[in-house]
């Protein structure tokens, strides 16, 4: 059985990976580096998923935060 702490950890890793994907697929953040990638067909497909990466990131952060508070409590109220 998977514990809540393990789920919080997995969601934390998901946050990091999805944020990396958001940044890598964002033309505003990486500028000229991303402009060099436009010549590759795989990057165009990757870039088309940019909005989905945001949704994965946002949902993961929300679940991560809620489960972390449920699992570990609020340290400011102790």
PDB file of N, CA and C in Angstrom:
ATOM      1  N   UNK A   1       0.843  -1.186   0.000  1.00  0.00           N
ATOM      2  CA  UNK A   1       0.000   0.000   0.000  1.00  0.00           C
ATOM      3  C   UNK A   1       0.888   1.250   0.000  1.00  0.00           C
ATOM      4  N   UNK A   2       0.536   2.195  -0.798  1.00  0.00           N
ATOM      5  CA  UNK A   2       1.299   3.441  -0.913  1.00  0.00           C
ATOM      6  C   UNK A   2       0.816   4.412   0.167  1.00  0.00           C
ATOM      7  N   UNK A   3       1.762   4.989   0.903  1.00  0.00           N
ATOM      8  CA  UNK A   3       1.413   5.938   1.959  1.00  0.00           C
ATOM      9  C   UNK A   3       1.209   7.340   1.371  1.00  0.00           C
ATOM     10  N   UNK A   4       0.570   8.191   2.155  1.00  0.00           N
ATOM     11  CA  UNK A   4       0.358   9.571   1.712  1.00  0.00           C
ATOM     12  C   UNK A   4       1.691  10.303   1.537  1.00  0.00           C
ATOM     13  N   UNK A   5       2.659  10.001   2.385  1.00  0.00           N
ATOM     14  CA  UNK A   5       3.970  10.639   2.262  1.00  0.00           C
ATOM     15  C   UNK A   5       4.635  10.271   0.940  1.00  0.00           C
ATOM     16  N   UNK A   6       4.472   9.029   0.508  1.00  0.00           N
ATOM     17  CA  UNK A   6       5.031   8.613  -0.778  1.00  0.00           C
ATOM     18  C   UNK A   6       4.327   9.318  -1.942  1.00  0.00           C
ATOM     19  N   UNK A   7       3.017   9.496  -1.830  1.00  0.00           N
ATOM     20  CA  UNK A   7       2.276  10.216  -2.875  1.00  0.00           C
ATOM     21  C   UNK A   7       2.719  11.673  -2.930  1.00  0.00           C
ATOM     22  N   UNK A   8       2.922  12.289  -1.766  1.00  0.00           N
ATOM     23  CA  UNK A   8       3.414  13.674  -1.720  1.00  0.00           C
ATOM     24  C   UNK A   8       4.777  13.768  -2.407  1.00  0.00           C
ATOM     25  N   UNK A   9       5.641  12.796  -2.148  1.00  0.00           N
ATOM     26  CA  UNK A   9       6.956  12.781  -2.780  1.00  0.00           C
ATOM     27  C   UNK A   9       6.838  12.636  -4.300  1.00  0.00           C
ATOM     28  N   UNK A  10       6.001  11.709  -4.751  1.00  0.00           N
ATOM     29  CA  UNK A  10       5.813  11.497  -6.195  1.00  0.00           C
ATOM     30  C   UNK A  10       5.244  12.750  -6.853  1.00  0.00           C
ATOM     31  N   UNK A  11       4.297  13.408  -6.190  1.00  0.00           N
ATOM     32  CA  UNK A  11       3.745  14.653  -6.736  1.00  0.00           C
ATOM     33  C   UNK A  11       4.800  15.758  -6.770  1.00  0.00           C
ATOM     34  N   UNK A  12       5.701  15.781  -5.804  1.00  0.00           N
ATOM     35  CA  UNK A  12       6.797  16.749  -5.828  1.00  0.00           C
ATOM     36  C   UNK A  12       7.696  16.544  -7.037  1.00  0.00           C
ATOM     37  N   UNK A  13       8.020  15.288  -7.339  1.00  0.00           N
ATOM     38  CA  UNK A  13       8.819  14.979  -8.530  1.00  0.00           C
ATOM     39  C   UNK A  13       8.039  15.357  -9.791  1.00  0.00           C
ATOM     40  N   UNK A  14       6.732  15.089  -9.791  1.00  0.00           N
ATOM     41  CA  UNK A  14       5.874  15.470 -10.921  1.00  0.00           C
ATOM     42  C   UNK A  14       5.887  16.983 -11.119  1.00  0.00           C
ATOM     43  N   UNK A  15       5.867  17.733 -10.022  1.00  0.00           N
ATOM     44  CA  UNK A  15       5.947  19.201 -10.101  1.00  0.00           C
ATOM     45  C   UNK A  15       7.225  19.641 -10.804  1.00  0.00           C
ATOM     46  N   UNK A  16       8.337  19.063 -10.409  1.00  0.00           N
ATOM     47  CA  UNK A  16       9.631  19.452 -10.983  1.00  0.00           C
ATOM     48  C   UNK A  16       9.695  19.122 -12.470  1.00  0.00           C
ATOM     49  N   UNK A  17       9.269  17.915 -12.829  1.00  0.00           N
ATOM     50  CA  UNK A  17       9.320  17.491 -14.230  1.00  0.00           C
ATOM     51  C   UNK A  17       8.373  18.319 -15.090  1.00  0.00           C
ATOM     52  N   UNK A  18       7.141  18.527 -14.604  1.00  0.00           N
ATOM     53  CA  UNK A  18       6.178  19.288 -15.407  1.00  0.00           C
ATOM     54  C   UNK A  18       6.594  20.752 -15.530  1.00  0.00           C
ATOM     55  N   UNK A  19       7.202  21.322 -14.488  1.00  0.00           N
ATOM     56  CA  UNK A  19       7.701  22.698 -14.590  1.00  0.00           C
ATOM     57  C   UNK A  19       8.829  22.773 -15.614  1.00  0.00           C
ATOM     58  N   UNK A  20       9.702  21.776 -15.629  1.00  0.00           N
ATOM     59  CA  UNK A  20      10.760  21.713 -16.630  1.00  0.00           C
ATOM     60  C   UNK A  20      10.160  21.673 -18.037  1.00  0.00           C
ATOM     61  N   UNK A  21       9.122  20.868 -18.231  1.00  0.00           N
ATOM     62  CA  UNK A  21       8.465  20.783 -19.537  1.00  0.00           C
ATOM     63  C   UNK A  21       7.795  22.108 -19.913  1.00  0.00           C
ATOM     64  N   UNK A  22       7.185  22.773 -18.942  1.00  0.00           N
ATOM     65  CA  UNK A  22       6.555  24.076 -19.211  1.00  0.00           C
ATOM     66  C   UNK A  22       7.615  25.068 -19.668  1.00  0.00           C
ATOM     67  N   UNK A  23       8.724  25.124 -18.947  1.00  0.00           N
ATOM     68  CA  UNK A  23       9.780  26.075 -19.299  1.00  0.00           C
ATOM     69  C   UNK A  23      10.427  25.748 -20.640  1.00  0.00           C
ATOM     70  N   UNK A  24      10.629  24.472 -20.909  1.00  0.00           N
ATOM     71  CA  UNK A  24      11.261  24.074 -22.163  1.00  0.00           C
ATOM     72  C   UNK A  24      10.347  24.314 -23.364  1.00  0.00           C
ATOM     73  N   UNK A  25       9.036  24.301 -23.134  1.00  0.00           N
ATOM     74  CA  UNK A  25       8.109  24.508 -24.245  1.00  0.00           C
ATOM     75  C   UNK A  25       7.626  25.957 -24.335  1.00  0.00           C
ATOM     76  N   UNK A  26       8.205  26.842 -23.552  1.00  0.00           N
ATOM     77  CA  UNK A  26       7.776  28.239 -23.536  1.00  0.00           C
ATOM     78  C   UNK A  26       8.774  29.107 -24.302  1.00  0.00           C
ATOM     79  N   UNK A  27       8.308  29.753 -25.343  1.00  0.00           N
ATOM     80  CA  UNK A  27       9.188  30.613 -26.140  1.00  0.00           C
ATOM     81  C   UNK A  27       9.593  31.861 -25.377  1.00  0.00           C
ATOM     82  N   UNK A  28       8.771  32.305 -24.442  1.00  0.00           N
ATOM     83  CA  UNK A  28       9.073  33.533 -23.701  1.00  0.00           C
ATOM     84  C   UNK A  28      10.220  33.343 -22.716  1.00  0.00           C
ATOM     85  N   UNK A  29      10.282  32.188 -22.071  1.00  0.00           N
ATOM     86  CA  UNK A  29      11.239  31.977 -20.994  1.00  0.00           C
ATOM     87  C   UNK A  29      12.654  31.697 -21.500  1.00  0.00           C
ATOM     88  N   UNK A  30      12.784  30.898 -22.529  1.00  0.00           N
ATOM     89  CA  UNK A  30      14.108  30.474 -22.956  1.00  0.00           C
ATOM     90  C   UNK A  30      14.619  31.214 -24.192  1.00  0.00           C
ATOM     91  N   UNK A  31      13.780  32.013 -24.791  1.00  0.00           N
ATOM     92  CA  UNK A  31      14.190  32.899 -25.878  1.00  0.00           C
ATOM     93  C   UNK A  31      14.911  32.254 -27.035  1.00  0.00           C
ATOM     94  N   UNK A  32      16.154  32.644 -27.241  1.00  0.00           N
ATOM     95  CA  UNK A  32      16.908  32.220 -28.422  1.00  0.00           C
ATOM     96  C   UNK A  32      17.184  30.724 -28.445  1.00  0.00           C
ATOM     97  N   UNK A  33      17.304  30.100 -27.268  1.00  0.00           N
ATOM     98  CA  UNK A  33      17.521  28.657 -27.229  1.00  0.00           C
ATOM     99  C   UNK A  33      16.353  27.921 -27.872  1.00  0.00           C
ATOM    100  N   UNK A  34      15.143  28.339 -27.528  1.00  0.00           N
ATOM    101  CA  UNK A  34      13.955  27.702 -28.093  1.00  0.00           C
ATOM    102  C   UNK A  34      13.833  28.015 -29.578  1.00  0.00           C
ATOM    103  N   UNK A  35      14.209  29.202 -29.973  1.00  0.00           N
ATOM    104  CA  UNK A  35      14.142  29.558 -31.396  1.00  0.00           C
ATOM    105  C   UNK A  35      15.009  28.633 -32.248  1.00  0.00           C
ATOM    106  N   UNK A  36      16.113  28.148 -31.683  1.00  0.00           N
ATOM    107  CA  UNK A  36      16.967  27.208 -32.411  1.00  0.00           C
ATOM    108  C   UNK A  36      16.308  25.844 -32.561  1.00  0.00           C
ATOM    109  N   UNK A  37      15.393  25.520 -31.659  1.00  0.00           N
ATOM    110  CA  UNK A  37      14.736  24.207 -31.691  1.00  0.00           C
ATOM    111  C   UNK A  37      13.582  24.130 -32.687  1.00  0.00           C
ATOM    112  N   UNK A  38      13.121  25.281 -33.174  1.00  0.00           N
ATOM    113  CA  UNK A  38      11.970  25.302 -34.074  1.00  0.00           C
ATOM    114  C   UNK A  38      12.210  24.551 -35.376  1.00  0.00           C
ATOM    115  N   UNK A  39      13.445  24.317 -35.744  1.00  0.00           N
ATOM    116  CA  UNK A  39      13.723  23.614 -36.997  1.00  0.00           C
ATOM    117  C   UNK A  39      13.460  22.114 -36.882  1.00  0.00           C
ATOM    118  N   UNK A  40      13.287  21.609 -35.661  1.00  0.00           N
ATOM    119  CA  UNK A  40      13.057  20.186 -35.445  1.00  0.00           C
ATOM    120  C   UNK A  40      11.560  19.892 -35.330  1.00  0.00           C
ATOM    121  N   UNK A  41      11.126  18.863 -36.020  1.00  0.00           N
ATOM    122  CA  UNK A  41       9.712  18.484 -36.015  1.00  0.00           C
ATOM    123  C   UNK A  41       9.264  18.003 -34.631  1.00  0.00           C
ATOM    124  N   UNK A  42      10.150  17.302 -33.907  1.00  0.00           N
ATOM    125  CA  UNK A  42       9.781  16.794 -32.584  1.00  0.00           C
ATOM    126  C   UNK A  42       9.498  17.945 -31.621  1.00  0.00           C
ATOM    127  N   UNK A  43      10.232  19.077 -31.780  1.00  0.00           N
ATOM    128  CA  UNK A  43       9.991  20.205 -30.883  1.00  0.00           C
ATOM    129  C   UNK A  43       8.649  20.860 -31.174  1.00  0.00           C
ATOM    130  N   UNK A  44       8.252  20.903 -32.425  1.00  0.00           N
ATOM    131  CA  UNK A  44       6.947  21.474 -32.767  1.00  0.00           C
ATOM    132  C   UNK A  44       5.824  20.663 -32.128  1.00  0.00           C
ATOM    133  N   UNK A  45       5.974  19.347 -32.125  1.00  0.00           N
ATOM    134  CA  UNK A  45       4.978  18.492 -31.461  1.00  0.00           C
ATOM    135  C   UNK A  45       5.021  18.702 -29.949  1.00  0.00           C
ATOM    136  N   UNK A  46       6.231  18.798 -29.410  1.00  0.00           N
ATOM    137  CA  UNK A  46       6.411  19.042 -27.982  1.00  0.00           C
ATOM    138  C   UNK A  46       5.799  20.394 -27.593  1.00  0.00           C
ATOM    139  N   UNK A  47       6.045  21.418 -28.382  1.00  0.00           N
ATOM    140  CA  UNK A  47       5.519  22.758 -28.123  1.00  0.00           C
ATOM    141  C   UNK A  47       3.993  22.776 -28.172  1.00  0.00           C
ATOM    142  N   UNK A  48       3.398  21.943 -29.022  1.00  0.00           N
ATOM    143  CA  UNK A  48       1.933  21.919 -29.127  1.00  0.00           C
ATOM    144  C   UNK A  48       1.283  21.405 -27.843  1.00  0.00           C
ATOM    145  N   UNK A  49       2.055  20.791 -26.968  1.00  0.00           N
ATOM    146  CA  UNK A  49       1.543  20.268 -25.696  1.00  0.00           C
ATOM    147  C   UNK A  49       1.735  21.243 -24.532  1.00  0.00           C
ATOM    148  N   UNK A  50       2.211  22.442 -24.816  1.00  0.00           N
ATOM    149  CA  UNK A  50       2.538  23.420 -23.780  1.00  0.00           C
ATOM    150  C   UNK A  50       1.386  23.648 -22.806  1.00  0.00           C
ATOM    151  N   UNK A  51       0.189  23.833 -23.293  1.00  0.00           N
ATOM    152  CA  UNK A  51      -0.968  24.091 -22.420  1.00  0.00           C
ATOM    153  C   UNK A  51      -1.266  22.891 -21.527  1.00  0.00           C
ATOM    154  N   UNK A  52      -1.086  21.689 -22.035  1.00  0.00           N
ATOM    155  CA  UNK A  52      -1.307  20.493 -21.231  1.00  0.00           C
ATOM    156  C   UNK A  52      -0.259  20.383 -20.111  1.00  0.00           C
ATOM    157  N   UNK A  53       0.967  20.774 -20.420  1.00  0.00           N
ATOM    158  CA  UNK A  53       2.000  20.769 -19.386  1.00  0.00           C
ATOM    159  C   UNK A  53       1.618  21.696 -18.239  1.00  0.00           C
ATOM    160  N   UNK A  54       1.018  22.855 -18.564  1.00  0.00           N
ATOM    161  CA  UNK A  54       0.562  23.777 -17.525  1.00  0.00           C
ATOM    162  C   UNK A  54      -0.506  23.136 -16.657  1.00  0.00           C
ATOM    163  N   UNK A  55      -1.476  22.474 -17.291  1.00  0.00           N
ATOM    164  CA  UNK A  55      -2.544  21.829 -16.525  1.00  0.00           C
ATOM    165  C   UNK A  55      -1.995  20.744 -15.616  1.00  0.00           C
ATOM    166  N   UNK A  56      -1.081  19.934 -16.124  1.00  0.00           N
ATOM    167  CA  UNK A  56      -0.464  18.888 -15.298  1.00  0.00           C
ATOM    168  C   UNK A  56       0.256  19.519 -14.112  1.00  0.00           C
ATOM    169  N   UNK A  57       0.998  20.593 -14.363  1.00  0.00           N
ATOM    170  CA  UNK A  57       1.736  21.271 -13.303  1.00  0.00           C
ATOM    171  C   UNK A  57       0.791  21.838 -12.241  1.00  0.00           C
ATOM    172  N   UNK A  58      -0.237  22.546 -12.663  1.00  0.00           N
ATOM    173  CA  UNK A  58      -1.155  23.192 -11.715  1.00  0.00           C
ATOM    174  C   UNK A  58      -1.893  22.156 -10.864  1.00  0.00           C
ATOM    175  N   UNK A  59      -2.411  21.123 -11.512  1.00  0.00           N
ATOM    176  CA  UNK A  59      -3.134  20.080 -10.772  1.00  0.00           C
ATOM    177  C   UNK A  59      -2.197  19.353  -9.812  1.00  0.00           C
ATOM    178  N   UNK A  60      -0.991  19.081 -10.258  1.00  0.00           N
ATOM    179  CA  UNK A  60      -0.005  18.409  -9.409  1.00  0.00           C
ATOM    180  C   UNK A  60       0.347  19.260  -8.192  1.00  0.00           C
ATOM    181  N   UNK A  61       0.518  20.549  -8.378  1.00  0.00           N
ATOM    182  CA  UNK A  61       0.852  21.435  -7.259  1.00  0.00           C
ATOM    183  C   UNK A  61      -0.289  21.483  -6.255  1.00  0.00           C
ATOM    184  N   UNK A  62      -1.523  21.559  -6.747  1.00  0.00           N
ATOM    185  CA  UNK A  62      -2.677  21.610  -5.840  1.00  0.00           C
ATOM    186  C   UNK A  62      -2.768  20.328  -5.014  1.00  0.00           C
ATOM    187  N   UNK A  63      -2.707  19.176  -5.674  1.00  0.00           N
ATOM    188  CA  UNK A  63      -2.769  17.909  -4.948  1.00  0.00           C
ATOM    189  C   UNK A  63      -1.585  17.756  -3.993  1.00  0.00           C
ATOM    190  N   UNK A  64      -0.415  18.156  -4.444  1.00  0.00           N
ATOM    191  CA  UNK A  64       0.787  18.080  -3.614  1.00  0.00           C
ATOM    192  C   UNK A  64       0.607  18.898  -2.333  1.00  0.00           C
ATOM    193  N   UNK A  65       0.121  20.117  -2.469  1.00  0.00           N
ATOM    194  CA  UNK A  65      -0.057  20.995  -1.314  1.00  0.00           C
ATOM    195  C   UNK A  65      -1.119  20.452  -0.353  1.00  0.00           C
ATOM    196  N   UNK A  66      -2.243  20.029  -0.886  1.00  0.00           N
ATOM    197  CA  UNK A  66      -3.330  19.525  -0.038  1.00  0.00           C
ATOM    198  C   UNK A  66      -2.892  18.260   0.703  1.00  0.00           C
ATOM    199  N   UNK A  67      -2.296  17.313  -0.022  1.00  0.00           N
ATOM    200  CA  UNK A  67      -1.868  16.073   0.622  1.00  0.00           C
ATOM    201  C   UNK A  67      -0.731  16.307   1.610  1.00  0.00           C
ATOM    202  N   UNK A  68       0.144  17.261   1.334  1.00  0.00           N
ATOM    203  CA  UNK A  68       1.230  17.570   2.269  1.00  0.00           C
ATOM    204  C   UNK A  68       0.661  18.137   3.575  1.00  0.00           C
ATOM    205  N   UNK A  69      -0.340  18.984   3.480  1.00  0.00           N
ATOM    206  CA  UNK A  69      -0.955  19.544   4.688  1.00  0.00           C
ATOM    207  C   UNK A  69      -1.705  18.457   5.452  1.00  0.00           C
ATOM    208  N   UNK A  70      -2.405  17.587   4.725  1.00  0.00           N
ATOM    209  CA  UNK A  70      -3.109  16.485   5.387  1.00  0.00           C
ATOM    210  C   UNK A  70      -2.113  15.548   6.062  1.00  0.00           C
ATOM    211  N   UNK A  71      -1.031  15.227   5.385  1.00  0.00           N
ATOM    212  CA  UNK A  71      -0.063  14.263   5.890  1.00  0.00           C
ATOM    213  C   UNK A  71       0.799  14.823   7.014  1.00  0.00           C
ATOM    214  N   UNK A  72       1.335  16.011   6.825  1.00  0.00           N
ATOM    215  CA  UNK A  72       2.313  16.555   7.770  1.00  0.00           C
ATOM    216  C   UNK A  72       1.755  17.666   8.653  1.00  0.00           C
ATOM    217  N   UNK A  73       0.572  18.149   8.345  1.00  0.00           N
ATOM    218  CA  UNK A  73      -0.035  19.213   9.136  1.00  0.00           C
ATOM    219  C   UNK A  73       0.544  20.565   8.797  1.00  0.00           C
ATOM    220  N   UNK A  74       0.047  21.562   9.479  1.00  0.00           N
ATOM    221  CA  UNK A  74       0.521  22.921   9.312  1.00  0.00           C
ATOM    222  C   UNK A  74       1.509  23.226  10.443  1.00  0.00           C
ATOM    223  N   UNK A  75       2.784  23.438  10.115  1.00  0.00           N
ATOM    224  CA  UNK A  75       3.783  23.646  11.182  1.00  0.00           C
ATOM    225  C   UNK A  75       3.599  24.953  11.935  1.00  0.00           C
ATOM    226  N   UNK A  76       2.829  25.871  11.405  1.00  0.00           N
ATOM    227  CA  UNK A  76       2.624  27.154  12.066  1.00  0.00           C
ATOM    228  C   UNK A  76       1.509  27.099  13.104  1.00  0.00           C
ATOM    229  N   UNK A  77       0.741  26.017  13.110  1.00  0.00           N
ATOM    230  CA  UNK A  77      -0.360  25.887  14.079  1.00  0.00           C
ATOM    231  C   UNK A  77       0.004  24.964  15.235  1.00  0.00           C
ATOM    232  N   UNK A  78       1.219  24.479  15.266  1.00  0.00           N
ATOM    233  CA  UNK A  78       1.618  23.553  16.356  1.00  0.00           C
ATOM    234  C   UNK A  78       2.162  24.308  17.541  1.00  0.00           C
TER     235      UNK A  78
END
